[in-house]
Amino acid sequence: MRKVVGFATLFAICFIAHLGFSGALGQTAPQDEVAKRFIGMWRLVSGPTPARGQNPTGFIVYDKSGNMAAQIMPDRPRPKFGAAQPTPDEAKEALIGYTAYFGTYTVDAGAKTVTHYRTGNINPGATATVVRRFEFVGDDRMILRPVENENILIWERVK
């Protein structure tokens, strides 16, 4: 009998430790709930900057495994390449205002930030880690603000 009680107590302690106290009470941690809101594909609906123009287009995607990718294309006319290999000026014009990177991400619900850890980037000199302040508006809108400037990117969930 003593072995059964001891085993049951040990099992209960391990179960509670595995779930965490909030999980043991049948609740999901707020951090997890906020992080889940990012999962999916989002379309850029607003994010003007001088380099991108007034109506850039783009997508950002977050998956449940912690991977992400973003692409934003400027709305300004960009000249077509005259040959298979662009001239330096053609290449420069194609890249100005274009954002493309991928990597992993983490969410800090308390600080209301999402951190992108970029492992691939169209801009080889850019910093590898960027932090964005976030805000959700309803279920279908997400606002990201880089901590280093006042740009505002408004994203709409793709359904």
N, C-alpha and C. Protein backbone atom coordinates (compact mmCIF):
# COMPACT_ATOMS: atom_id res chain seq x y z
N MET A 1 0.82 -1.20 0.00
CA MET A 1 0.00 0.00 0.00
C MET A 1 0.87 1.26 0.00
N ARG A 2 1.92 1.26 0.82
CA ARG A 2 2.80 2.41 0.91
C ARG A 2 3.46 2.68 -0.44
N LYS A 3 3.82 1.64 -1.20
CA LYS A 3 4.41 1.81 -2.52
C LYS A 3 3.42 2.44 -3.48
N VAL A 4 2.16 2.06 -3.41
CA VAL A 4 1.13 2.61 -4.30
C VAL A 4 0.93 4.09 -4.01
N VAL A 5 0.84 4.47 -2.75
CA VAL A 5 0.66 5.88 -2.37
C VAL A 5 1.89 6.68 -2.80
N GLY A 6 3.08 6.14 -2.56
CA GLY A 6 4.29 6.83 -2.98
C GLY A 6 4.36 7.02 -4.49
N PHE A 7 3.99 5.99 -5.25
CA PHE A 7 3.98 6.08 -6.71
C PHE A 7 2.95 7.09 -7.18
N ALA A 8 1.77 7.08 -6.58
CA ALA A 8 0.71 8.02 -6.97
C ALA A 8 1.14 9.46 -6.68
N THR A 9 1.80 9.68 -5.55
CA THR A 9 2.27 11.02 -5.21
C THR A 9 3.34 11.47 -6.20
N LEU A 10 4.30 10.59 -6.48
CA LEU A 10 5.35 10.91 -7.44
C LEU A 10 4.75 11.20 -8.82
N PHE A 11 3.79 10.39 -9.23
CA PHE A 11 3.13 10.60 -10.52
C PHE A 11 2.44 11.97 -10.56
N ALA A 12 1.72 12.32 -9.50
CA ALA A 12 1.02 13.60 -9.45
C ALA A 12 2.00 14.77 -9.52
N ILE A 13 3.11 14.68 -8.82
CA ILE A 13 4.12 15.75 -8.84
C ILE A 13 4.69 15.90 -10.24
N CYS A 14 5.04 14.78 -10.86
CA CYS A 14 5.59 14.82 -12.23
C CYS A 14 4.57 15.38 -13.22
N PHE A 15 3.31 14.97 -13.07
CA PHE A 15 2.26 15.44 -13.98
C PHE A 15 2.08 16.94 -13.87
N ILE A 16 2.02 17.45 -12.65
CA ILE A 16 1.85 18.89 -12.44
C ILE A 16 3.08 19.65 -12.95
N ALA A 17 4.27 19.12 -12.70
CA ALA A 17 5.48 19.79 -13.19
C ALA A 17 5.52 19.80 -14.70
N HIS A 18 5.08 18.70 -15.33
CA HIS A 18 5.07 18.62 -16.79
C HIS A 18 4.11 19.64 -17.41
N LEU A 19 2.95 19.77 -16.83
CA LEU A 19 1.95 20.69 -17.37
C LEU A 19 2.19 22.13 -16.96
N GLY A 20 2.89 22.34 -15.88
CA GLY A 20 2.99 23.69 -15.33
C GLY A 20 1.73 23.92 -14.52
N PHE A 21 1.77 24.87 -13.61
CA PHE A 21 0.61 25.08 -12.76
C PHE A 21 -0.61 25.53 -13.54
N SER A 22 -0.44 26.38 -14.55
CA SER A 22 -1.61 26.83 -15.31
C SER A 22 -2.19 25.69 -16.12
N GLY A 23 -1.32 24.81 -16.67
CA GLY A 23 -1.81 23.67 -17.43
C GLY A 23 -2.56 22.69 -16.54
N ALA A 24 -2.09 22.53 -15.31
CA ALA A 24 -2.75 21.62 -14.38
C ALA A 24 -4.14 22.12 -14.03
N LEU A 25 -4.35 23.40 -14.15
CA LEU A 25 -5.66 23.97 -13.87
C LEU A 25 -6.54 24.04 -15.11
N GLY A 26 -6.06 23.47 -16.23
CA GLY A 26 -6.86 23.45 -17.45
C GLY A 26 -6.76 24.74 -18.25
N GLN A 27 -5.75 25.56 -18.00
CA GLN A 27 -5.60 26.82 -18.72
C GLN A 27 -4.32 26.80 -19.54
N THR A 28 -4.33 27.50 -20.67
CA THR A 28 -3.13 27.64 -21.48
C THR A 28 -2.43 28.93 -21.07
N ALA A 29 -1.12 28.89 -21.03
CA ALA A 29 -0.36 30.08 -20.65
C ALA A 29 -0.66 31.22 -21.62
N PRO A 30 -0.79 32.46 -21.13
CA PRO A 30 -1.07 33.60 -22.01
C PRO A 30 -0.02 33.77 -23.10
N GLN A 31 1.24 33.48 -22.80
CA GLN A 31 2.32 33.58 -23.79
C GLN A 31 1.99 32.72 -25.00
N ASP A 32 1.55 31.48 -24.76
CA ASP A 32 1.22 30.57 -25.85
C ASP A 32 0.04 31.06 -26.67
N GLU A 33 -0.95 31.62 -26.01
CA GLU A 33 -2.13 32.12 -26.72
C GLU A 33 -1.76 33.27 -27.64
N VAL A 34 -0.92 34.17 -27.17
CA VAL A 34 -0.49 35.30 -28.00
C VAL A 34 0.34 34.79 -29.17
N ALA A 35 1.27 33.88 -28.91
CA ALA A 35 2.13 33.34 -29.98
C ALA A 35 1.29 32.65 -31.05
N LYS A 36 0.23 31.97 -30.68
CA LYS A 36 -0.64 31.29 -31.64
C LYS A 36 -1.31 32.27 -32.60
N ARG A 37 -1.53 33.49 -32.17
CA ARG A 37 -2.21 34.48 -33.02
C ARG A 37 -1.36 34.86 -34.24
N PHE A 38 -0.03 34.68 -34.14
CA PHE A 38 0.85 35.01 -35.25
C PHE A 38 0.76 33.98 -36.38
N ILE A 39 0.46 32.74 -36.05
CA ILE A 39 0.55 31.64 -37.01
C ILE A 39 -0.38 31.88 -38.20
N GLY A 40 0.21 31.79 -39.38
CA GLY A 40 -0.54 31.95 -40.62
C GLY A 40 0.16 32.90 -41.56
N MET A 41 -0.51 33.18 -42.66
CA MET A 41 0.03 34.10 -43.66
C MET A 41 -0.72 35.43 -43.56
N TRP A 42 0.04 36.51 -43.68
CA TRP A 42 -0.49 37.86 -43.57
C TRP A 42 -0.10 38.66 -44.80
N ARG A 43 -1.02 39.46 -45.31
CA ARG A 43 -0.81 40.33 -46.47
C ARG A 43 -0.61 41.77 -45.99
N LEU A 44 0.39 42.44 -46.53
CA LEU A 44 0.63 43.83 -46.18
C LEU A 44 -0.47 44.71 -46.76
N VAL A 45 -1.11 45.50 -45.91
CA VAL A 45 -2.15 46.41 -46.39
C VAL A 45 -1.74 47.87 -46.26
N SER A 46 -0.71 48.14 -45.45
CA SER A 46 -0.21 49.50 -45.32
C SER A 46 1.19 49.47 -44.74
N GLY A 47 2.08 50.23 -45.38
CA GLY A 47 3.45 50.30 -44.88
C GLY A 47 4.29 51.21 -45.74
N PRO A 48 3.80 52.43 -45.99
CA PRO A 48 4.55 53.33 -46.86
C PRO A 48 5.86 53.81 -46.23
N THR A 49 6.88 53.88 -47.06
CA THR A 49 8.17 54.48 -46.70
C THR A 49 8.69 55.14 -47.97
N PRO A 50 9.63 56.05 -47.86
CA PRO A 50 10.17 56.67 -49.07
C PRO A 50 10.73 55.65 -50.08
N ALA A 51 11.40 54.62 -49.61
CA ALA A 51 11.99 53.64 -50.52
C ALA A 51 10.96 52.69 -51.11
N ARG A 52 9.85 52.44 -50.38
CA ARG A 52 8.84 51.50 -50.85
C ARG A 52 7.68 52.16 -51.58
N GLY A 53 7.50 53.44 -51.39
CA GLY A 53 6.35 54.13 -51.98
C GLY A 53 5.15 54.08 -51.06
N GLN A 54 4.01 54.55 -51.55
CA GLN A 54 2.81 54.64 -50.73
C GLN A 54 2.05 53.33 -50.59
N ASN A 55 2.17 52.44 -51.57
CA ASN A 55 1.38 51.21 -51.56
C ASN A 55 2.22 49.96 -51.85
N PRO A 56 3.17 49.66 -51.01
CA PRO A 56 3.96 48.46 -51.23
C PRO A 56 3.08 47.21 -51.04
N THR A 57 3.52 46.09 -51.59
CA THR A 57 2.80 44.83 -51.41
C THR A 57 3.74 43.84 -50.73
N GLY A 58 3.16 42.88 -50.04
CA GLY A 58 4.02 41.90 -49.41
C GLY A 58 3.26 40.88 -48.59
N PHE A 59 4.01 39.90 -48.12
CA PHE A 59 3.48 38.85 -47.26
C PHE A 59 4.47 38.58 -46.14
N ILE A 60 3.92 38.18 -45.00
CA ILE A 60 4.74 37.66 -43.92
C ILE A 60 4.02 36.40 -43.42
N VAL A 61 4.79 35.39 -43.13
CA VAL A 61 4.21 34.13 -42.67
C VAL A 61 4.96 33.64 -41.44
N TYR A 62 4.18 33.13 -40.48
CA TYR A 62 4.71 32.54 -39.27
C TYR A 62 4.14 31.13 -39.16
N ASP A 63 4.97 30.13 -38.85
CA ASP A 63 4.41 28.80 -38.65
C ASP A 63 4.51 28.39 -37.19
N LYS A 64 3.83 27.29 -36.84
CA LYS A 64 3.77 26.87 -35.44
C LYS A 64 5.09 26.31 -34.93
N SER A 65 6.02 26.01 -35.83
CA SER A 65 7.33 25.49 -35.43
C SER A 65 8.34 26.59 -35.12
N GLY A 66 7.94 27.86 -35.31
CA GLY A 66 8.84 28.97 -35.01
C GLY A 66 9.60 29.51 -36.21
N ASN A 67 9.18 29.13 -37.41
CA ASN A 67 9.80 29.65 -38.63
C ASN A 67 8.99 30.82 -39.17
N MET A 68 9.66 31.72 -39.88
CA MET A 68 8.97 32.86 -40.47
C MET A 68 9.67 33.28 -41.75
N ALA A 69 8.95 34.03 -42.58
CA ALA A 69 9.51 34.61 -43.80
C ALA A 69 8.73 35.86 -44.14
N ALA A 70 9.41 36.86 -44.69
CA ALA A 70 8.77 38.11 -45.06
C ALA A 70 9.29 38.59 -46.41
N GLN A 71 8.38 39.16 -47.21
CA GLN A 71 8.77 39.81 -48.46
C GLN A 71 7.89 41.04 -48.64
N ILE A 72 8.53 42.14 -48.96
CA ILE A 72 7.80 43.38 -49.25
C ILE A 72 8.41 43.97 -50.51
N MET A 73 7.54 44.26 -51.47
CA MET A 73 7.98 44.82 -52.75
C MET A 73 7.48 46.25 -52.89
N PRO A 74 8.34 47.17 -53.32
CA PRO A 74 7.91 48.56 -53.48
C PRO A 74 6.88 48.70 -54.58
N ASP A 75 6.10 49.77 -54.50
CA ASP A 75 5.07 50.00 -55.53
C ASP A 75 5.57 50.85 -56.69
N ARG A 76 6.79 51.33 -56.60
CA ARG A 76 7.31 52.18 -57.67
C ARG A 76 7.67 51.34 -58.89
N PRO A 77 7.66 51.95 -60.07
CA PRO A 77 8.08 51.20 -61.26
C PRO A 77 9.56 50.82 -61.15
N ARG A 78 9.86 49.59 -61.54
CA ARG A 78 11.24 49.13 -61.55
C ARG A 78 11.55 48.67 -62.97
N PRO A 79 12.64 49.16 -63.52
CA PRO A 79 12.95 48.82 -64.91
C PRO A 79 13.25 47.33 -65.08
N LYS A 80 12.83 46.79 -66.23
CA LYS A 80 13.14 45.40 -66.56
C LYS A 80 14.62 45.30 -66.91
N PHE A 81 15.17 44.14 -66.65
CA PHE A 81 16.57 43.90 -67.02
C PHE A 81 16.67 43.84 -68.54
N GLY A 82 17.69 44.47 -69.08
CA GLY A 82 17.90 44.48 -70.53
C GLY A 82 18.46 43.18 -71.07
N ALA A 83 19.04 42.37 -70.17
CA ALA A 83 19.63 41.08 -70.57
C ALA A 83 19.48 40.12 -69.39
N ALA A 84 19.97 38.90 -69.57
CA ALA A 84 19.86 37.91 -68.50
C ALA A 84 20.60 38.37 -67.25
N GLN A 85 21.71 39.03 -67.42
CA GLN A 85 22.49 39.56 -66.30
C GLN A 85 22.22 41.05 -66.19
N PRO A 86 21.69 41.54 -65.03
CA PRO A 86 21.40 42.96 -64.92
C PRO A 86 22.66 43.80 -64.86
N THR A 87 22.53 45.03 -65.32
CA THR A 87 23.62 45.98 -65.14
C THR A 87 23.62 46.39 -63.66
N PRO A 88 24.69 46.99 -63.17
CA PRO A 88 24.69 47.45 -61.78
C PRO A 88 23.53 48.40 -61.47
N ASP A 89 23.20 49.30 -62.39
CA ASP A 89 22.08 50.21 -62.15
C ASP A 89 20.74 49.47 -62.12
N GLU A 90 20.56 48.50 -63.02
CA GLU A 90 19.33 47.72 -63.04
C GLU A 90 19.18 46.92 -61.74
N ALA A 91 20.27 46.31 -61.29
CA ALA A 91 20.24 45.54 -60.04
C ALA A 91 19.93 46.44 -58.85
N LYS A 92 20.54 47.60 -58.82
CA LYS A 92 20.29 48.55 -57.74
C LYS A 92 18.82 48.96 -57.70
N GLU A 93 18.26 49.31 -58.85
CA GLU A 93 16.86 49.72 -58.91
C GLU A 93 15.91 48.59 -58.51
N ALA A 94 16.28 47.35 -58.83
CA ALA A 94 15.44 46.21 -58.47
C ALA A 94 15.42 45.99 -56.96
N LEU A 95 16.52 46.30 -56.29
CA LEU A 95 16.63 46.02 -54.86
C LEU A 95 16.18 47.14 -53.94
N ILE A 96 16.25 48.38 -54.40
CA ILE A 96 15.89 49.51 -53.53
C ILE A 96 14.43 49.36 -53.07
N GLY A 97 14.27 49.33 -51.77
CA GLY A 97 12.93 49.23 -51.19
C GLY A 97 12.39 47.82 -51.09
N TYR A 98 13.11 46.83 -51.61
CA TYR A 98 12.65 45.44 -51.54
C TYR A 98 13.17 44.81 -50.26
N THR A 99 12.30 44.16 -49.53
CA THR A 99 12.65 43.46 -48.31
C THR A 99 12.33 41.99 -48.48
N ALA A 100 13.27 41.13 -48.18
CA ALA A 100 13.03 39.69 -48.23
C ALA A 100 13.98 39.01 -47.25
N TYR A 101 13.41 38.28 -46.32
CA TYR A 101 14.24 37.51 -45.39
C TYR A 101 13.43 36.36 -44.80
N PHE A 102 14.15 35.40 -44.20
CA PHE A 102 13.51 34.28 -43.53
C PHE A 102 14.36 33.86 -42.35
N GLY A 103 13.75 33.11 -41.45
CA GLY A 103 14.47 32.63 -40.27
C GLY A 103 13.50 32.07 -39.27
N THR A 104 13.75 32.36 -38.01
CA THR A 104 12.89 31.90 -36.93
C THR A 104 12.39 33.12 -36.15
N TYR A 105 11.47 32.87 -35.23
CA TYR A 105 10.93 33.98 -34.44
C TYR A 105 10.56 33.50 -33.05
N THR A 106 10.52 34.47 -32.13
CA THR A 106 9.99 34.24 -30.79
C THR A 106 9.08 35.41 -30.44
N VAL A 107 8.12 35.14 -29.57
CA VAL A 107 7.16 36.15 -29.14
C VAL A 107 7.34 36.39 -27.65
N ASP A 108 7.38 37.65 -27.26
CA ASP A 108 7.39 38.03 -25.85
C ASP A 108 6.07 38.75 -25.59
N ALA A 109 5.10 38.00 -25.08
CA ALA A 109 3.76 38.55 -24.87
C ALA A 109 3.77 39.70 -23.87
N GLY A 110 4.59 39.61 -22.84
CA GLY A 110 4.65 40.65 -21.83
C GLY A 110 5.16 41.96 -22.38
N ALA A 111 6.20 41.90 -23.20
CA ALA A 111 6.78 43.11 -23.80
C ALA A 111 6.05 43.52 -25.08
N LYS A 112 5.16 42.67 -25.56
CA LYS A 112 4.43 42.89 -26.81
C LYS A 112 5.40 43.08 -27.98
N THR A 113 6.38 42.14 -28.04
CA THR A 113 7.35 42.17 -29.14
C THR A 113 7.46 40.79 -29.78
N VAL A 114 7.80 40.81 -31.05
CA VAL A 114 8.16 39.59 -31.77
C VAL A 114 9.57 39.83 -32.30
N THR A 115 10.43 38.84 -32.11
CA THR A 115 11.82 38.95 -32.55
C THR A 115 12.02 38.02 -33.73
N HIS A 116 12.54 38.57 -34.82
CA HIS A 116 12.87 37.79 -36.02
C HIS A 116 14.37 37.53 -36.00
N TYR A 117 14.75 36.27 -36.09
CA TYR A 117 16.16 35.86 -36.15
C TYR A 117 16.42 35.48 -37.62
N ARG A 118 16.97 36.40 -38.37
CA ARG A 118 17.10 36.22 -39.81
C ARG A 118 18.31 35.35 -40.16
N THR A 119 18.05 34.24 -40.85
CA THR A 119 19.13 33.37 -41.30
C THR A 119 19.41 33.56 -42.78
N GLY A 120 18.48 34.11 -43.51
CA GLY A 120 18.67 34.45 -44.92
C GLY A 120 18.06 35.81 -45.16
N ASN A 121 18.77 36.64 -45.95
CA ASN A 121 18.32 38.01 -46.13
C ASN A 121 18.81 38.53 -47.48
N ILE A 122 17.95 39.24 -48.19
CA ILE A 122 18.36 39.83 -49.47
C ILE A 122 19.44 40.89 -49.26
N ASN A 123 19.46 41.47 -48.06
CA ASN A 123 20.46 42.48 -47.70
C ASN A 123 21.53 41.81 -46.85
N PRO A 124 22.67 41.46 -47.43
CA PRO A 124 23.68 40.73 -46.67
C PRO A 124 24.28 41.51 -45.51
N GLY A 125 24.16 42.81 -45.48
CA GLY A 125 24.75 43.59 -44.40
C GLY A 125 23.79 43.92 -43.28
N ALA A 126 22.54 43.49 -43.39
CA ALA A 126 21.55 43.81 -42.36
C ALA A 126 21.80 43.01 -41.09
N THR A 127 21.32 43.54 -39.98
CA THR A 127 21.47 42.84 -38.71
C THR A 127 20.69 41.53 -38.75
N ALA A 128 21.19 40.54 -38.03
CA ALA A 128 20.56 39.22 -38.05
C ALA A 128 19.31 39.14 -37.18
N THR A 129 19.20 40.01 -36.19
CA THR A 129 18.06 39.96 -35.27
C THR A 129 17.35 41.30 -35.29
N VAL A 130 16.03 41.25 -35.49
CA VAL A 130 15.24 42.47 -35.46
C VAL A 130 14.04 42.26 -34.53
N VAL A 131 13.68 43.32 -33.83
CA VAL A 131 12.57 43.27 -32.88
C VAL A 131 11.47 44.18 -33.39
N ARG A 132 10.23 43.67 -33.34
CA ARG A 132 9.06 44.43 -33.75
C ARG A 132 8.07 44.48 -32.59
N ARG A 133 7.56 45.68 -32.31
CA ARG A 133 6.45 45.79 -31.37
C ARG A 133 5.20 45.33 -32.14
N PHE A 134 4.30 44.62 -31.48
CA PHE A 134 3.11 44.15 -32.18
C PHE A 134 1.84 44.56 -31.46
N GLU A 135 0.79 44.59 -32.25
CA GLU A 135 -0.56 44.86 -31.74
C GLU A 135 -1.53 44.14 -32.66
N PHE A 136 -2.51 43.45 -32.08
CA PHE A 136 -3.53 42.81 -32.88
C PHE A 136 -4.80 43.65 -32.82
N VAL A 137 -5.45 43.80 -33.95
CA VAL A 137 -6.71 44.51 -34.04
C VAL A 137 -7.73 43.49 -34.53
N GLY A 138 -8.56 43.02 -33.62
CA GLY A 138 -9.48 41.94 -33.97
C GLY A 138 -8.69 40.68 -34.27
N ASP A 139 -9.32 39.78 -35.06
CA ASP A 139 -8.65 38.52 -35.42
C ASP A 139 -7.88 38.63 -36.72
N ASP A 140 -8.13 39.68 -37.50
CA ASP A 140 -7.62 39.73 -38.87
C ASP A 140 -6.58 40.78 -39.15
N ARG A 141 -6.22 41.61 -38.18
CA ARG A 141 -5.22 42.66 -38.41
C ARG A 141 -4.11 42.57 -37.38
N MET A 142 -2.89 42.80 -37.86
CA MET A 142 -1.72 42.81 -37.00
C MET A 142 -0.89 44.03 -37.39
N ILE A 143 -0.46 44.78 -36.40
CA ILE A 143 0.39 45.94 -36.63
C ILE A 143 1.76 45.63 -36.08
N LEU A 144 2.78 45.81 -36.93
CA LEU A 144 4.17 45.63 -36.50
C LEU A 144 4.89 46.96 -36.63
N ARG A 145 5.63 47.30 -35.58
CA ARG A 145 6.41 48.54 -35.55
C ARG A 145 7.85 48.20 -35.19
N PRO A 146 8.80 48.45 -36.08
CA PRO A 146 10.20 48.22 -35.71
C PRO A 146 10.56 49.07 -34.50
N VAL A 147 11.33 48.51 -33.57
CA VAL A 147 11.72 49.28 -32.38
C VAL A 147 12.71 50.37 -32.72
N GLU A 148 13.41 50.25 -33.86
CA GLU A 148 14.45 51.23 -34.19
C GLU A 148 13.93 52.45 -34.95
N ASN A 149 12.66 52.43 -35.39
CA ASN A 149 12.12 53.61 -36.08
C ASN A 149 10.61 53.67 -35.91
N GLU A 150 9.97 54.61 -36.54
CA GLU A 150 8.53 54.82 -36.37
C GLU A 150 7.70 54.25 -37.51
N ASN A 151 8.29 53.41 -38.35
CA ASN A 151 7.52 52.78 -39.43
C ASN A 151 6.39 51.94 -38.84
N ILE A 152 5.30 51.90 -39.56
CA ILE A 152 4.14 51.09 -39.15
C ILE A 152 3.79 50.19 -40.33
N LEU A 153 3.75 48.89 -40.08
CA LEU A 153 3.34 47.92 -41.09
C LEU A 153 2.04 47.28 -40.62
N ILE A 154 1.00 47.41 -41.42
CA ILE A 154 -0.29 46.82 -41.07
C ILE A 154 -0.51 45.62 -41.97
N TRP A 155 -0.76 44.49 -41.33
CA TRP A 155 -0.93 43.23 -42.02
C TRP A 155 -2.34 42.70 -41.81
N GLU A 156 -2.88 42.05 -42.82
CA GLU A 156 -4.22 41.44 -42.76
C GLU A 156 -4.07 39.94 -42.99
N ARG A 157 -4.72 39.16 -42.14
CA ARG A 157 -4.63 37.70 -42.24
C ARG A 157 -5.20 37.24 -43.59
N VAL A 158 -4.47 36.36 -44.26
CA VAL A 158 -4.93 35.78 -45.53
C VAL A 158 -5.82 34.59 -45.16
N LYS A 159 -7.01 34.60 -45.71
CA LYS A 159 -7.98 33.51 -45.42
C LYS A 159 -8.19 32.64 -46.62
